């Protein structure tokens, strides 16, 4: 599920623009962000095993920071989930529209949303099986691209192979062709790409033996994401100079087209569409479970606690699906601008959630020091120093996004949403959520 959430629009579409803006420094940005998400996930894993809760980080924010912070974190992440989902269905529309220009961008987005709703209204097993195969398609394809690229490089296959060499990473302006500022500018896109891995914490509530499966999932996801992102993008820029790639197109499709494998480029486009669908599938599942958990805690209307005979929170799935349907409308009204706005808005919320997790873990560590609670074996390495390092990087990226003229409008949107949430919290009454037990 974490791979399903992480490998989607940011990887297949966003990486093309990121290469154009940053060059080989994008690999450094992915390593930095990969280290960040690994530490955030280790902190979340330690909290999850110490205090299992269906509300995951939203519940921990209530417990360790306060009810208002937990209320806002839950609703912030619910919105972020669905904004990413809208970005993913937008990716489906964009690719199919490029493939078949006669098809309007909103129509594939509508079909995808209806199919996602149907899958998520079935059993959890049905969701899990569909997500397994959808994730498998894109993982196998990325591995195939990696192996093909290595074969072209090592055996000098074709004209591309003759010109391909590792020095392409630094011979066209250096590792930092746009300077250190270019590296920093890439971090928001990279963080958007990694958003979605936090769903592991939500899924743990419906997992057998989380003390065994959760550490394996967190550690495994980190190394796989590093291989897929850093490995595949490095191969792309080794085969072709980074400044020769079209920033408006998926770099994987561009490379295969320039290599002469036109049919393979079409295959990757199909896989990219399945990747978007896979990510959206994970997002609809996670957002509905988070909404259901918030309803159990009193942070959302009680009616969203309802389960059908299949044990599916059908009203939560329906509301989340309705927000995805709003994305179809946006694809109709503003098809050219929607993706950029969604990316920067989601980055804000992902940074909020990551900061909340690290602050919760800091509070957890303070309680450990007092001896009021015991510590498990799966721990965040280097705490509390790693907590403060991640919080510093989060603040730096937030400053970059806030001062960027193109993304400043999304900062205003997030401020307005935060104000609405604060007003809603006090309007409903500041009662302690039932899913949180006081220590």
Protein backbone atom coordinates (compact mmCIF):
# COMPACT_ATOMS: atom_id res chain seq x y z
CA UNK A 1 0.00 0.00 0.00
CA UNK A 2 2.83 2.41 0.80
CA UNK A 3 4.43 1.69 -2.59
CA UNK A 4 1.01 2.17 -4.18
CA UNK A 5 0.70 5.57 -2.55
CA UNK A 6 4.26 6.69 -3.29
CA UNK A 7 4.69 5.62 -6.93
CA UNK A 8 2.16 7.62 -8.90
CA UNK A 9 1.74 11.07 -10.43
CA UNK A 10 4.80 12.55 -8.73
CA UNK A 11 7.02 9.78 -10.09
CA UNK A 12 5.71 9.41 -13.64
CA UNK A 13 4.71 13.02 -14.42
CA UNK A 14 6.24 15.33 -11.80
CA UNK A 15 9.76 13.93 -12.22
CA UNK A 16 9.98 15.23 -15.82
CA UNK A 17 9.46 18.84 -14.75
CA UNK A 18 11.75 18.32 -11.76
CA UNK A 19 14.61 17.10 -14.00
CA UNK A 20 14.15 20.17 -16.21
CA UNK A 21 14.29 22.52 -13.21
CA UNK A 22 17.07 20.80 -11.25
CA UNK A 23 19.08 18.41 -13.41
CA UNK A 24 21.13 15.67 -11.71
CA UNK A 25 20.70 17.46 -8.36
CA UNK A 26 17.26 15.84 -8.34
CA UNK A 27 18.96 12.61 -7.25
CA UNK A 28 20.37 14.40 -4.20
CA UNK A 29 16.92 15.83 -3.46
CA UNK A 30 15.43 12.33 -3.55
CA UNK A 31 18.13 11.04 -1.20
CA UNK A 32 17.44 13.88 1.25
CA UNK A 33 13.67 13.42 1.11
CA UNK A 34 14.08 9.65 1.25
CA UNK A 35 16.05 9.99 4.45
CA UNK A 36 13.36 12.30 5.82
CA UNK A 37 10.49 9.93 5.09
CA UNK A 38 12.42 6.97 6.45
CA UNK A 39 12.91 8.72 9.81
CA UNK A 40 9.32 9.94 9.85
CA UNK A 41 8.09 6.40 9.18
CA UNK A 42 10.34 4.98 11.89
CA UNK A 43 8.87 7.49 14.34
CA UNK A 44 5.34 6.60 13.22
CA UNK A 45 6.12 2.89 13.46
CA UNK A 46 7.38 3.24 17.02
CA UNK A 47 4.26 5.19 18.01
CA UNK A 48 1.98 2.70 16.26
CA UNK A 49 3.43 -0.32 18.04
CA UNK A 50 3.45 1.47 21.39
CA UNK A 51 -0.11 2.83 21.05
CA UNK A 52 -2.12 0.94 18.37
CA UNK A 53 -4.97 3.11 17.12
CA UNK A 54 -7.16 3.17 13.98
CA UNK A 55 -6.65 6.95 13.85
CA UNK A 56 -2.85 6.58 13.56
CA UNK A 57 -1.02 9.93 13.53
CA UNK A 58 -4.25 11.92 14.02
CA UNK A 59 -4.87 10.02 17.27
CA UNK A 60 -1.25 10.46 18.35
CA UNK A 61 -1.47 14.20 17.75
CA UNK A 62 -4.44 14.34 20.12
CA UNK A 63 -2.64 12.25 22.73
CA UNK A 64 0.75 13.93 22.63
CA UNK A 65 0.01 17.51 21.45
CA UNK A 66 -3.66 18.31 22.06
CA UNK A 67 -7.25 17.85 20.84
CA UNK A 68 -7.24 20.86 18.49
CA UNK A 69 -3.99 19.76 16.82
CA UNK A 70 -5.36 16.23 16.42
CA UNK A 71 -8.62 17.52 14.97
CA UNK A 72 -6.77 19.67 12.43
CA UNK A 73 -4.24 16.95 11.54
CA UNK A 74 -6.98 14.42 10.85
CA UNK A 75 -8.95 16.74 8.58
CA UNK A 76 -5.79 18.13 6.95
CA UNK A 77 -4.62 14.66 5.99
CA UNK A 78 -8.06 13.60 4.84
CA UNK A 79 -8.03 16.58 2.46
CA UNK A 80 -4.43 15.85 1.39
CA UNK A 81 -5.32 12.25 0.64
CA UNK A 82 -8.08 13.33 -1.69
CA UNK A 83 -6.14 16.14 -3.34
CA UNK A 84 -3.45 13.60 -4.22
CA UNK A 85 -6.23 11.33 -5.50
CA UNK A 86 -7.46 14.16 -7.71
CA UNK A 87 -3.88 14.63 -8.97
CA UNK A 88 -3.72 10.92 -9.80
CA UNK A 89 -6.99 10.85 -11.73
CA UNK A 90 -5.81 14.04 -13.44
CA UNK A 91 -2.70 12.10 -14.51
CA UNK A 92 -4.94 9.42 -16.01
CA UNK A 93 -6.84 12.08 -17.94
CA UNK A 94 -3.66 13.80 -19.13
CA UNK A 95 -2.03 10.65 -20.46
CA UNK A 96 -5.14 9.30 -22.17
CA UNK A 97 -5.82 12.72 -23.69
CA UNK A 98 -2.26 12.76 -25.13
CA UNK A 99 -2.73 9.21 -26.39
CA UNK A 100 -6.18 9.91 -27.85
CA UNK A 101 -6.58 13.70 -28.32
CA UNK A 102 -10.26 13.28 -29.13
CA UNK A 103 -10.99 12.16 -25.56
CA UNK A 104 -11.53 15.12 -23.19
CA UNK A 105 -9.33 15.09 -20.07
CA UNK A 106 -12.26 14.90 -17.66
CA UNK A 107 -13.81 11.73 -19.13
CA UNK A 108 -11.07 9.22 -18.12
CA UNK A 109 -10.99 10.89 -14.70
CA UNK A 110 -14.73 10.23 -14.34
CA UNK A 111 -14.43 6.58 -15.39
CA UNK A 112 -11.52 6.03 -12.98
CA UNK A 113 -13.45 7.56 -10.07
CA UNK A 114 -16.48 5.34 -10.65
CA UNK A 115 -14.27 2.21 -10.81
CA UNK A 116 -12.39 3.22 -7.63
CA UNK A 117 -15.64 3.68 -5.76
CA UNK A 118 -16.87 0.25 -6.87
CA UNK A 119 -13.64 -1.45 -5.72
CA UNK A 120 -13.65 0.23 -2.32
CA UNK A 121 -17.29 -0.60 -1.66
CA UNK A 122 -16.40 -4.29 -1.79
CA UNK A 123 -14.50 -6.20 0.91
CA UNK A 124 -11.09 -5.17 2.28
CA UNK A 125 -9.74 -8.36 0.71
CA UNK A 126 -10.99 -7.17 -2.68
CA UNK A 127 -9.18 -3.88 -2.20
CA UNK A 128 -5.98 -5.61 -1.09
CA UNK A 129 -5.94 -7.99 -4.04
CA UNK A 130 -6.56 -5.25 -6.59
CA UNK A 131 -3.87 -3.04 -5.03
CA UNK A 132 -1.40 -5.92 -4.98
CA UNK A 133 -1.69 -6.52 -8.72
CA UNK A 134 -1.80 -2.82 -9.62
CA UNK A 135 1.35 -2.17 -7.58
CA UNK A 136 2.98 -5.26 -9.06
CA UNK A 137 2.47 -3.93 -12.62
CA UNK A 138 4.36 -0.71 -11.96
CA UNK A 139 7.06 -2.33 -9.83
CA UNK A 140 7.82 -4.93 -12.52
CA UNK A 141 7.88 -2.22 -15.18
CA UNK A 142 10.28 -0.01 -13.22
CA UNK A 143 12.58 -2.98 -12.63
CA UNK A 144 12.42 -3.75 -16.37
CA UNK A 145 13.35 -0.13 -17.19
CA UNK A 146 16.26 -0.32 -14.75
CA UNK A 147 17.56 -3.55 -16.25
CA UNK A 148 17.05 -2.34 -19.84
CA UNK A 149 18.88 0.90 -19.10
CA UNK A 150 21.77 -0.97 -17.51
CA UNK A 151 21.95 -3.32 -20.52
CA UNK A 152 22.05 -0.37 -22.95
CA UNK A 153 24.75 1.29 -20.85
CA UNK A 154 26.95 -1.79 -20.29
CA UNK A 155 26.65 -3.38 -23.74
CA UNK A 156 26.45 -0.07 -25.67
CA UNK A 157 23.28 -1.07 -27.51
CA UNK A 158 22.34 1.20 -30.43
CA UNK A 159 23.13 4.90 -30.90
CA UNK A 160 21.89 5.70 -27.41
CA UNK A 161 24.21 3.10 -25.89
CA UNK A 162 27.19 4.55 -27.76
CA UNK A 163 26.55 7.99 -26.25
CA UNK A 164 25.45 6.84 -22.81
CA UNK A 165 27.91 7.18 -19.95
CA UNK A 166 27.86 7.98 -16.26
CA UNK A 167 29.59 11.30 -16.98
CA UNK A 168 26.26 12.59 -18.36
CA UNK A 169 25.41 13.22 -14.71
CA UNK A 170 28.01 15.99 -14.40
CA UNK A 171 29.16 17.01 -17.90
CA UNK A 172 26.18 19.28 -18.65
CA UNK A 173 26.50 21.97 -16.03
CA UNK A 174 27.71 19.81 -13.17
CA UNK A 175 25.82 17.91 -10.48
CA UNK A 176 24.20 21.20 -9.41
CA UNK A 177 23.56 22.93 -12.77
CA UNK A 178 21.03 25.33 -11.20
CA UNK A 179 23.05 25.79 -8.03
CA UNK A 180 22.08 25.02 -4.46
CA UNK A 181 18.85 27.00 -4.93
CA UNK A 182 17.85 24.58 -7.68
CA UNK A 183 18.33 21.66 -5.30
CA UNK A 184 16.14 23.33 -2.69
CA UNK A 185 13.50 24.17 -5.30
CA UNK A 186 13.18 20.46 -6.16
CA UNK A 187 12.37 19.39 -2.61
CA UNK A 188 8.63 20.29 -2.76
CA UNK A 189 8.12 18.10 -5.87
CA UNK A 190 10.08 15.28 -4.26
CA UNK A 191 8.11 15.50 -1.02
CA UNK A 192 4.88 15.36 -3.03
CA UNK A 193 6.20 12.16 -4.61
CA UNK A 194 6.79 10.51 -1.22
CA UNK A 195 3.46 11.58 0.25
CA UNK A 196 1.22 8.57 0.82
CA UNK A 197 3.63 6.28 2.64
CA UNK A 198 2.00 7.33 5.92
CA UNK A 199 -0.95 5.10 5.02
CA UNK A 200 1.03 2.26 6.64
CA UNK A 201 -0.02 3.61 10.03
CA UNK A 202 -3.69 3.56 9.07
CA UNK A 203 -3.51 0.07 7.57
CA UNK A 204 -1.86 -1.33 10.72
CA UNK A 205 -5.24 -1.28 12.48
CA UNK A 206 -6.53 -3.91 10.02
CA UNK A 207 -3.33 -6.00 9.92
CA UNK A 208 -2.58 -9.27 11.68
CA UNK A 209 0.61 -9.27 13.83
CA UNK A 210 1.52 -5.56 13.28
CA UNK A 211 4.55 -6.00 15.57
CA UNK A 212 5.99 -8.31 12.87
CA UNK A 213 4.65 -6.85 9.63
CA UNK A 214 4.97 -3.12 10.38
CA UNK A 215 8.79 -2.96 10.88
CA UNK A 216 9.34 -5.09 7.77
CA UNK A 217 7.00 -2.89 5.73
CA UNK A 218 8.60 0.38 6.84
CA UNK A 219 12.19 -0.77 6.29
CA UNK A 220 11.35 -2.49 3.01
CA UNK A 221 9.43 0.45 1.57
CA UNK A 222 12.33 2.83 2.18
CA UNK A 223 14.88 0.75 0.29
CA UNK A 224 12.48 -0.04 -2.54
CA UNK A 225 11.53 3.60 -2.99
CA UNK A 226 15.20 4.59 -3.04
CA UNK A 227 15.91 1.95 -5.68
CA UNK A 228 12.95 2.89 -7.85
CA UNK A 229 13.28 6.67 -7.63
CA UNK A 230 17.02 7.25 -7.45
CA UNK A 231 17.98 4.18 -9.52
CA UNK A 232 15.56 4.70 -12.39
CA UNK A 233 16.06 8.49 -12.64
CA UNK A 234 19.85 8.02 -12.55
CA UNK A 235 19.59 5.56 -15.45
CA UNK A 236 17.44 8.06 -17.37
CA UNK A 237 20.01 10.86 -17.00
CA UNK A 238 22.94 8.53 -17.76
CA UNK A 239 21.37 7.41 -21.04
CA UNK A 240 20.47 10.96 -22.10
CA UNK A 241 21.74 14.37 -20.96
CA UNK A 242 19.18 15.80 -18.54
CA UNK A 243 18.79 19.00 -20.60
CA UNK A 244 17.71 17.03 -23.70
CA UNK A 245 14.58 15.62 -22.04
CA UNK A 246 11.14 17.17 -22.52
CA UNK A 247 10.02 18.49 -19.09
CA UNK A 248 6.36 18.22 -20.13
CA UNK A 249 6.62 14.49 -20.71
CA UNK A 250 7.38 11.51 -18.48
CA UNK A 251 11.19 11.05 -18.61
CA UNK A 252 10.74 7.29 -19.01
CA UNK A 253 8.52 7.74 -22.05
CA UNK A 254 10.96 10.33 -23.47
CA UNK A 255 13.95 8.02 -23.11
CA UNK A 256 12.19 5.08 -24.73
CA UNK A 257 11.00 7.23 -27.62
CA UNK A 258 14.49 8.59 -28.22
CA UNK A 259 15.86 5.05 -27.98
CA UNK A 260 13.52 3.98 -30.78
CA UNK A 261 11.25 1.72 -28.71
CA UNK A 262 8.02 3.50 -29.63
CA UNK A 263 5.94 0.47 -28.66
CA UNK A 264 7.70 0.32 -25.30
CA UNK A 265 6.92 3.99 -24.71
CA UNK A 266 3.25 3.17 -25.20
CA UNK A 267 3.59 0.32 -22.72
CA UNK A 268 5.10 2.65 -20.11
CA UNK A 269 2.26 5.09 -20.69
CA UNK A 270 -0.20 2.29 -19.99
CA UNK A 271 1.75 1.34 -16.85
CA UNK A 272 1.77 4.97 -15.74
CA UNK A 273 -2.02 5.01 -16.05
CA UNK A 274 -2.25 1.84 -13.95
CA UNK A 275 0.12 3.48 -11.42
CA UNK A 276 -2.16 6.50 -11.12
CA UNK A 277 -5.13 4.19 -10.64
CA UNK A 278 -3.23 2.19 -8.02
CA UNK A 279 -2.33 5.33 -6.06
CA UNK A 280 -5.91 6.56 -6.23
CA UNK A 281 -7.10 3.17 -4.99
CA UNK A 282 -4.83 3.41 -1.94
CA UNK A 283 -5.91 7.01 -1.36
CA UNK A 284 -9.63 6.28 -1.39
CA UNK A 285 -9.08 3.41 1.04
CA UNK A 286 -6.91 5.47 3.41
CA UNK A 287 -9.08 8.58 3.35
CA UNK A 288 -12.26 6.62 4.10
CA UNK A 289 -10.61 4.77 7.01
CA UNK A 290 -9.27 8.01 8.42
CA UNK A 291 -12.71 9.61 8.20
CA UNK A 292 -14.25 6.58 9.91
CA UNK A 293 -11.63 6.78 12.70
CA UNK A 294 -12.31 10.49 13.15
CA UNK A 295 -16.03 9.76 13.45
CA UNK A 296 -15.30 7.20 16.18
CA UNK A 297 -13.28 9.86 18.02
CA UNK A 298 -15.89 12.58 17.73
CA UNK A 299 -13.80 14.65 15.28
CA UNK A 300 -16.24 13.90 12.42
CA UNK A 301 -20.03 13.45 12.35
CA UNK A 302 -21.12 10.21 14.05
CA UNK A 303 -22.92 8.96 10.94
CA UNK A 304 -19.55 8.17 9.35
CA UNK A 305 -19.07 5.41 11.93
CA UNK A 306 -21.61 3.29 10.03
CA UNK A 307 -20.48 -0.02 8.51
CA UNK A 308 -22.36 -2.11 5.98
CA UNK A 309 -22.71 -5.91 6.14
CA UNK A 310 -19.26 -6.23 4.50
CA UNK A 311 -17.73 -4.19 7.35
CA UNK A 312 -17.01 -1.33 4.93
CA UNK A 313 -17.45 2.28 6.20
CA UNK A 314 -19.68 2.96 3.23
CA UNK A 315 -20.62 6.55 4.10
CA UNK A 316 -16.96 7.45 4.56
CA UNK A 317 -16.11 5.84 1.23
CA UNK A 318 -19.01 7.70 -0.40
CA UNK A 319 -17.98 11.14 0.91
CA UNK A 320 -14.34 10.59 -0.08
CA UNK A 321 -15.49 9.40 -3.50
CA UNK A 322 -17.63 12.52 -3.86
CA UNK A 323 -14.56 14.72 -3.29
CA UNK A 324 -12.73 12.76 -6.00
CA UNK A 325 -15.72 13.47 -8.23
CA UNK A 326 -15.12 17.17 -7.56
CA UNK A 327 -11.74 16.58 -9.18
CA UNK A 328 -13.53 15.50 -12.34
CA UNK A 329 -15.29 18.88 -12.40
CA UNK A 330 -11.97 20.69 -11.92
CA UNK A 331 -10.49 18.71 -14.82
CA UNK A 332 -13.35 20.03 -16.93
CA UNK A 333 -13.04 23.66 -15.76
CA UNK A 334 -9.25 24.13 -15.54
CA UNK A 335 -7.44 21.17 -17.17
CA UNK A 336 -4.15 23.05 -17.74
CA UNK A 337 -3.62 24.47 -14.22
CA UNK A 338 -5.06 21.88 -11.87
CA UNK A 339 -1.98 19.65 -11.52
CA UNK A 340 0.39 22.43 -10.39
CA UNK A 341 -2.05 23.78 -7.81
CA UNK A 342 -2.72 20.32 -6.42
CA UNK A 343 0.99 19.55 -6.08
CA UNK A 344 1.86 22.60 -3.98
CA UNK A 345 -1.29 22.35 -1.82
CA UNK A 346 -0.57 18.71 -0.98
CA UNK A 347 3.04 19.56 -0.08
CA UNK A 348 1.77 21.91 2.63
CA UNK A 349 -0.38 19.23 4.21
CA UNK A 350 2.27 16.51 3.95
CA UNK A 351 4.72 18.82 5.75
CA UNK A 352 2.08 19.43 8.44
CA UNK A 353 1.56 15.70 8.98
CA UNK A 354 5.28 14.90 9.02
CA UNK A 355 5.88 17.69 11.53
CA UNK A 356 3.00 16.40 13.67
CA UNK A 357 4.46 12.89 13.72
CA UNK A 358 7.90 14.13 14.76
CA UNK A 359 6.46 16.40 17.47
CA UNK A 360 4.35 13.53 18.77
CA UNK A 361 7.44 11.36 18.94
CA UNK A 362 9.30 14.08 20.86
CA UNK A 363 6.50 14.18 23.43
CA UNK A 364 6.53 10.37 23.53
CA UNK A 365 10.28 10.43 24.24
CA UNK A 366 9.78 12.90 27.09
CA UNK A 367 7.25 10.54 28.68
CA UNK A 368 9.72 7.70 28.24
CA UNK A 369 12.32 9.73 30.10
CA UNK A 370 9.88 10.16 32.98
CA UNK A 371 9.38 6.40 33.11
CA UNK A 372 5.59 6.71 32.68
CA UNK A 373 5.57 4.39 29.63
CA UNK A 374 7.83 1.60 28.33
CA UNK A 375 9.66 1.57 24.98
CA UNK A 376 9.44 -1.13 22.33
CA UNK A 377 12.22 -2.64 20.23
CA UNK A 378 11.35 -0.80 16.98
CA UNK A 379 12.68 2.70 17.52
CA UNK A 380 13.51 5.93 15.72
CA UNK A 381 17.33 6.01 15.37
CA UNK A 382 19.06 9.03 16.91
CA UNK A 383 16.02 10.45 18.69
CA UNK A 384 15.53 13.22 19.76
CA UNK A 385 18.26 14.75 17.56
CA UNK A 386 16.80 13.24 14.40
CA UNK A 387 13.41 14.72 15.32
CA UNK A 388 14.86 18.24 15.39
CA UNK A 389 16.81 17.67 12.15
CA UNK A 390 13.65 16.64 10.31
CA UNK A 391 11.67 19.55 11.79
CA UNK A 392 14.38 21.95 10.55
CA UNK A 393 14.19 20.52 7.01
CA UNK A 394 10.39 20.71 7.08
CA UNK A 395 10.57 24.38 8.09
CA UNK A 396 13.06 25.04 5.27
CA UNK A 397 10.84 23.46 2.61
CA UNK A 398 7.79 25.32 3.99
CA UNK A 399 9.69 28.60 3.65
CA UNK A 400 10.60 27.76 0.05
CA UNK A 401 6.99 27.03 -0.89
CA UNK A 402 5.66 30.12 0.92
CA UNK A 403 8.10 32.48 -0.81
CA UNK A 404 7.57 31.04 -4.30
CA UNK A 405 5.33 33.37 -6.30
CA UNK A 406 3.73 30.49 -8.22
CA UNK A 407 2.75 28.54 -5.08
CA UNK A 408 1.88 31.45 -2.76
CA UNK A 409 -1.80 31.12 -3.63
CA UNK A 410 -1.86 27.59 -2.19
CA UNK A 411 -0.33 28.93 1.04
CA UNK A 412 -3.31 31.29 1.32
CA UNK A 413 -5.69 28.39 0.62
CA UNK A 414 -4.13 26.32 3.41
CA UNK A 415 -4.38 29.26 5.81
CA UNK A 416 -8.09 29.61 4.98
CA UNK A 417 -8.64 25.86 5.43
CA UNK A 418 -6.85 26.00 8.77
CA UNK A 419 -9.10 28.85 9.87
CA UNK A 420 -12.19 26.87 8.88
CA UNK A 421 -10.96 23.86 10.88
CA UNK A 422 -10.27 25.96 13.98
CA UNK A 423 -13.75 27.49 13.74
CA UNK A 424 -15.32 24.05 13.22
CA UNK A 425 -13.46 22.64 16.24
CA UNK A 426 -14.71 25.30 18.63
CA UNK A 427 -18.19 25.23 17.09
CA UNK A 428 -18.55 21.52 17.86
CA UNK A 429 -17.13 21.87 21.35
CA UNK A 430 -13.64 20.83 22.47
CA UNK A 431 -14.39 17.38 23.84
CA UNK A 432 -11.67 14.72 24.23
CA UNK A 433 -11.81 12.07 21.47
CA UNK A 434 -12.92 8.65 22.64
CA UNK A 435 -10.19 6.76 20.76
CA UNK A 436 -7.49 8.35 22.87
CA UNK A 437 -6.76 7.13 26.35
CA UNK A 438 -5.07 9.57 28.69
CA UNK A 439 -1.75 8.47 30.05
